[in-house]
Amino acid sequence: MNKKAQGEEIVVYAVVFLVLFFIGGFIGSFSFPAFPGRFFICGLVLGAFGTGAGAFIIKVIFHK
């Protein structure tokens, strides 16, 4: 894969992460009780698992 395609792939993952981050934040704001950082935490979890980073982290941690 050439460098231009790699750069475009990173941009696509970043855009998908941002969209999922905000969707997860709004879902967390409406579905969880009030606690500091719920928007950020819920958005981060959905964004990470939506882009595959969460699954990769779990695989690395539990499959040593």
Protein backbone atom coordinates (compact mmCIF):
# COMPACT_ATOMS: atom_id res chain seq x y z
CA MET A 1 0.00 0.00 0.00
CA ASN A 2 1.39 3.38 -0.90
CA LYS A 3 1.80 6.23 1.57
CA LYS A 4 -1.08 8.27 0.17
CA ALA A 5 -3.51 5.39 0.70
CA GLN A 6 -2.20 4.87 4.24
CA GLY A 7 -2.76 8.53 5.02
CA GLU A 8 -6.28 8.42 3.64
CA GLU A 9 -7.02 5.32 5.70
CA ILE A 10 -5.88 7.08 8.88
CA VAL A 11 -8.11 10.05 8.08
CA VAL A 12 -11.10 7.76 7.53
CA TYR A 13 -10.48 6.02 10.87
CA ALA A 14 -10.20 9.41 12.58
CA VAL A 15 -13.49 10.62 11.11
CA VAL A 16 -15.27 7.38 12.04
CA PHE A 17 -13.85 7.62 15.56
CA LEU A 18 -15.06 11.20 15.96
CA VAL A 19 -18.56 10.39 14.72
CA LEU A 20 -18.81 7.37 17.02
CA PHE A 21 -17.35 9.39 19.91
CA PHE A 22 -20.13 11.96 19.70
CA ILE A 23 -22.85 9.34 19.17
CA GLY A 24 -21.61 7.40 22.20
CA GLY A 25 -21.39 10.59 24.25
CA PHE A 26 -24.97 11.55 23.50
CA ILE A 27 -26.22 8.02 24.17
CA GLY A 28 -24.33 7.99 27.47
CA SER A 29 -25.70 11.37 28.45
CA PHE A 30 -29.27 10.18 28.06
CA SER A 31 -28.96 6.62 29.37
CA PHE A 32 -26.60 6.75 32.36
CA PRO A 33 -27.08 8.56 35.68
CA ALA A 34 -25.21 11.80 36.12
CA PHE A 35 -21.52 11.41 36.90
CA PRO A 36 -18.55 13.53 35.86
CA GLY A 37 -17.12 12.53 32.51
CA ARG A 38 -19.93 10.28 31.32
CA PHE A 39 -20.01 11.93 27.88
CA PHE A 40 -16.25 11.45 27.45
CA ILE A 41 -16.11 7.91 28.82
CA CYS A 42 -19.09 6.61 26.84
CA GLY A 43 -17.87 8.31 23.68
CA LEU A 44 -14.37 6.97 24.10
CA VAL A 45 -15.57 3.39 24.65
CA LEU A 46 -17.90 3.41 21.63
CA GLY A 47 -15.30 5.12 19.43
CA ALA A 48 -12.55 2.70 20.42
CA PHE A 49 -14.61 -0.43 19.89
CA GLY A 50 -16.24 0.94 16.73
CA THR A 51 -12.88 1.44 15.05
CA GLY A 52 -11.48 -1.88 16.23
CA ALA A 53 -8.94 -0.48 18.68
CA GLY A 54 -10.81 -1.83 21.69
CA ALA A 55 -10.90 -5.35 20.30
CA PHE A 56 -7.18 -5.11 19.53
CA ILE A 57 -6.40 -3.97 23.07
CA ILE A 58 -8.43 -6.82 24.58
CA LYS A 59 -6.70 -9.32 22.29
CA VAL A 60 -3.26 -8.07 23.31
CA ILE A 61 -4.08 -8.06 27.03
CA PHE A 62 -5.83 -11.44 27.30
CA HIS A 63 -4.01 -13.50 24.67
CA LYS A 64 -0.40 -13.29 25.79
